[in-house]
Amino acid sequence: MGRVSSTSAMADKVSWNCALFMAVMLALSCCEESSEREYYRGEEVLLLQQKSNKPCDEIYVVGEGETLQTIGEKCGDPFIVEENPHIHDPDDVFPGLVIKITPFKNR
């Protein structure tokens, strides 16, 4: 009988050590994750800035809140309506609409 209680005590000791180890690992992973997340956010902002300096592609997908005027200013194409015969009403532009962009500088 003495052997069963010593085995049980040993199992309790091991389980407490494992639980303590897991708690420490969890605390360390939370701290490390936040610093990586901040670095990733900074990298994401840098990528967005690089994209904004890049000229628009020839095929452009309209995003939420964009108008033909803002797209024309952003991409340097004041003749979007003329180049896209599928746009019947310039005020009826919606997210997901695919349009052709030809920057004015290249004409």
C-alpha atoms as a PDB file:
ATOM      1  CA  MET A   1       0.000   0.000   0.000  1.00  0.00           C
ATOM      2  CA  GLY A   2       2.870   2.379   0.677  1.00  0.00           C
ATOM      3  CA  ARG A   3       3.905   2.043  -2.910  1.00  0.00           C
ATOM      4  CA  VAL A   4       0.564   3.217  -4.279  1.00  0.00           C
ATOM      5  CA  SER A   5       0.607   6.385  -2.200  1.00  0.00           C
ATOM      6  CA  SER A   6       4.210   7.197  -3.201  1.00  0.00           C
ATOM      7  CA  THR A   7       3.284   6.662  -6.860  1.00  0.00           C
ATOM      8  CA  SER A   8       0.267   8.894  -6.409  1.00  0.00           C
ATOM      9  CA  ALA A   9       2.382  11.565  -4.715  1.00  0.00           C
ATOM     10  CA  MET A  10       4.929  11.358  -7.525  1.00  0.00           C
ATOM     11  CA  ALA A  11       2.148  11.713 -10.149  1.00  0.00           C
ATOM     12  CA  ASP A  12       0.759  14.738  -8.305  1.00  0.00           C
ATOM     13  CA  LYS A  13       4.196  16.327  -8.220  1.00  0.00           C
ATOM     14  CA  VAL A  14       4.759  15.709 -11.943  1.00  0.00           C
ATOM     15  CA  SER A  15       1.312  17.038 -12.869  1.00  0.00           C
ATOM     16  CA  TRP A  16       1.878  20.218 -10.822  1.00  0.00           C
ATOM     17  CA  ASN A  17       5.244  20.749 -12.503  1.00  0.00           C
ATOM     18  CA  CYS A  18       3.655  20.232 -15.931  1.00  0.00           C
ATOM     19  CA  ALA A  19       0.853  22.658 -15.092  1.00  0.00           C
ATOM     20  CA  LEU A  20       3.362  25.257 -13.888  1.00  0.00           C
ATOM     21  CA  PHE A  21       5.463  24.768 -17.025  1.00  0.00           C
ATOM     22  CA  MET A  22       2.397  25.181 -19.263  1.00  0.00           C
ATOM     23  CA  ALA A  23       1.344  28.351 -17.407  1.00  0.00           C
ATOM     24  CA  VAL A  24       4.816  29.870 -17.858  1.00  0.00           C
ATOM     25  CA  MET A  25       4.860  28.921 -21.558  1.00  0.00           C
ATOM     26  CA  LEU A  26       1.408  30.444 -22.046  1.00  0.00           C
ATOM     27  CA  ALA A  27       2.474  33.688 -20.372  1.00  0.00           C
ATOM     28  CA  LEU A  28       5.643  33.869 -22.486  1.00  0.00           C
ATOM     29  CA  SER A  29       3.794  33.163 -25.719  1.00  0.00           C
ATOM     30  CA  CYS A  30       1.303  35.956 -25.005  1.00  0.00           C
ATOM     31  CA  CYS A  31       4.090  38.488 -24.485  1.00  0.00           C
ATOM     32  CA  GLU A  32       5.978  37.392 -27.584  1.00  0.00           C
ATOM     33  CA  GLU A  33       2.848  37.411 -29.745  1.00  0.00           C
ATOM     34  CA  SER A  34       2.056  41.050 -28.985  1.00  0.00           C
ATOM     35  CA  SER A  35       5.534  42.213 -29.990  1.00  0.00           C
ATOM     36  CA  GLU A  36       5.320  40.227 -33.240  1.00  0.00           C
ATOM     37  CA  ARG A  37       1.862  41.663 -33.906  1.00  0.00           C
ATOM     38  CA  GLU A  38       3.177  45.230 -33.500  1.00  0.00           C
ATOM     39  CA  TYR A  39       6.018  44.486 -35.914  1.00  0.00           C
ATOM     40  CA  TYR A  40       3.569  42.981 -38.403  1.00  0.00           C
ATOM     41  CA  ARG A  41       1.327  46.034 -38.193  1.00  0.00           C
ATOM     42  CA  GLY A  42       4.293  48.281 -38.937  1.00  0.00           C
ATOM     43  CA  GLU A  43       5.242  46.114 -41.891  1.00  0.00           C
ATOM     44  CA  GLU A  44       1.638  46.199 -43.131  1.00  0.00           C
ATOM     45  CA  VAL A  45       1.584  50.014 -43.017  1.00  0.00           C
ATOM     46  CA  LEU A  46       4.839  50.096 -44.978  1.00  0.00           C
ATOM     47  CA  LEU A  47       3.345  47.805 -47.647  1.00  0.00           C
ATOM     48  CA  LEU A  48       0.254  50.005 -47.904  1.00  0.00           C
ATOM     49  CA  GLN A  49       2.434  53.083 -48.391  1.00  0.00           C
ATOM     50  CA  GLN A  50       4.375  51.320 -51.130  1.00  0.00           C
ATOM     51  CA  LYS A  51       1.132  50.316 -52.841  1.00  0.00           C
ATOM     52  CA  SER A  52      -0.148  53.891 -52.782  1.00  0.00           C
ATOM     53  CA  ASN A  53       2.980  55.088 -54.614  1.00  0.00           C
ATOM     54  CA  LYS A  54       2.574  52.365 -57.242  1.00  0.00           C
ATOM     55  CA  PRO A  55       0.534  53.295 -60.345  1.00  0.00           C
ATOM     56  CA  CYS A  56      -2.767  51.480 -60.802  1.00  0.00           C
ATOM     57  CA  ASP A  57      -2.958  48.267 -62.783  1.00  0.00           C
ATOM     58  CA  GLU A  58      -4.716  48.259 -66.145  1.00  0.00           C
ATOM     59  CA  ILE A  59      -7.567  46.230 -64.637  1.00  0.00           C
ATOM     60  CA  TYR A  60      -8.944  47.876 -61.482  1.00  0.00           C
ATOM     61  CA  VAL A  61     -11.543  46.553 -59.044  1.00  0.00           C
ATOM     62  CA  VAL A  62     -13.571  49.301 -57.381  1.00  0.00           C
ATOM     63  CA  GLY A  63     -13.362  49.286 -53.591  1.00  0.00           C
ATOM     64  CA  GLU A  64     -15.879  50.396 -50.988  1.00  0.00           C
ATOM     65  CA  GLY A  65     -16.418  54.161 -50.885  1.00  0.00           C
ATOM     66  CA  GLU A  66     -14.609  54.845 -54.149  1.00  0.00           C
ATOM     67  CA  THR A  67     -16.033  56.978 -56.945  1.00  0.00           C
ATOM     68  CA  LEU A  68     -14.916  57.321 -60.543  1.00  0.00           C
ATOM     69  CA  GLN A  69     -13.526  60.738 -59.676  1.00  0.00           C
ATOM     70  CA  THR A  70     -11.384  59.452 -56.794  1.00  0.00           C
ATOM     71  CA  ILE A  71     -10.184  56.515 -58.890  1.00  0.00           C
ATOM     72  CA  GLY A  72      -9.366  58.859 -61.783  1.00  0.00           C
ATOM     73  CA  GLU A  73      -7.347  61.131 -59.497  1.00  0.00           C
ATOM     74  CA  LYS A  74      -5.610  58.206 -57.822  1.00  0.00           C
ATOM     75  CA  CYS A  75      -4.720  56.437 -61.074  1.00  0.00           C
ATOM     76  CA  GLY A  76      -4.235  59.454 -63.339  1.00  0.00           C
ATOM     77  CA  ASP A  77      -7.053  58.527 -65.733  1.00  0.00           C
ATOM     78  CA  PRO A  78      -9.696  61.246 -66.252  1.00  0.00           C
ATOM     79  CA  PHE A  79     -11.400  59.288 -69.072  1.00  0.00           C
ATOM     80  CA  ILE A  80     -12.618  56.195 -67.207  1.00  0.00           C
ATOM     81  CA  VAL A  81     -16.228  56.459 -68.433  1.00  0.00           C
ATOM     82  CA  GLU A  82     -15.175  56.770 -72.083  1.00  0.00           C
ATOM     83  CA  GLU A  83     -12.950  53.682 -71.881  1.00  0.00           C
ATOM     84  CA  ASN A  84     -15.519  51.505 -70.092  1.00  0.00           C
ATOM     85  CA  PRO A  85     -18.702  51.208 -72.178  1.00  0.00           C
ATOM     86  CA  HIS A  86     -20.307  48.950 -69.545  1.00  0.00           C
ATOM     87  CA  ILE A  87     -20.570  51.986 -67.218  1.00  0.00           C
ATOM     88  CA  HIS A  88     -23.847  53.623 -68.233  1.00  0.00           C
ATOM     89  CA  ASP A  89     -24.235  55.903 -65.208  1.00  0.00           C
ATOM     90  CA  PRO A  90     -21.049  57.359 -63.637  1.00  0.00           C
ATOM     91  CA  ASP A  91     -22.900  57.714 -60.327  1.00  0.00           C
ATOM     92  CA  ASP A  92     -23.791  54.005 -60.261  1.00  0.00           C
ATOM     93  CA  VAL A  93     -20.391  52.612 -59.272  1.00  0.00           C
ATOM     94  CA  PHE A  94     -20.296  49.784 -56.730  1.00  0.00           C
ATOM     95  CA  PRO A  95     -17.605  47.759 -54.923  1.00  0.00           C
ATOM     96  CA  GLY A  96     -16.408  44.882 -57.059  1.00  0.00           C
ATOM     97  CA  LEU A  97     -16.992  46.637 -60.398  1.00  0.00           C
ATOM     98  CA  VAL A  98     -14.099  45.896 -62.762  1.00  0.00           C
ATOM     99  CA  ILE A  99     -12.889  48.800 -64.887  1.00  0.00           C
ATOM    100  CA  LYS A 100     -10.083  49.445 -67.348  1.00  0.00           C
ATOM    101  CA  ILE A 101      -7.527  52.079 -66.374  1.00  0.00           C
ATOM    102  CA  THR A 102      -5.267  53.845 -68.860  1.00  0.00           C
ATOM    103  CA  PRO A 103      -3.103  56.468 -67.139  1.00  0.00           C
ATOM    104  CA  PHE A 104      -3.200  59.818 -68.932  1.00  0.00           C
ATOM    105  CA  LYS A 105       0.610  60.073 -68.910  1.00  0.00           C
ATOM    106  CA  ASN A 106       0.945  57.034 -71.199  1.00  0.00           C
ATOM    107  CA  ARG A 107      -1.281  58.445 -73.961  1.00  0.00           C
END
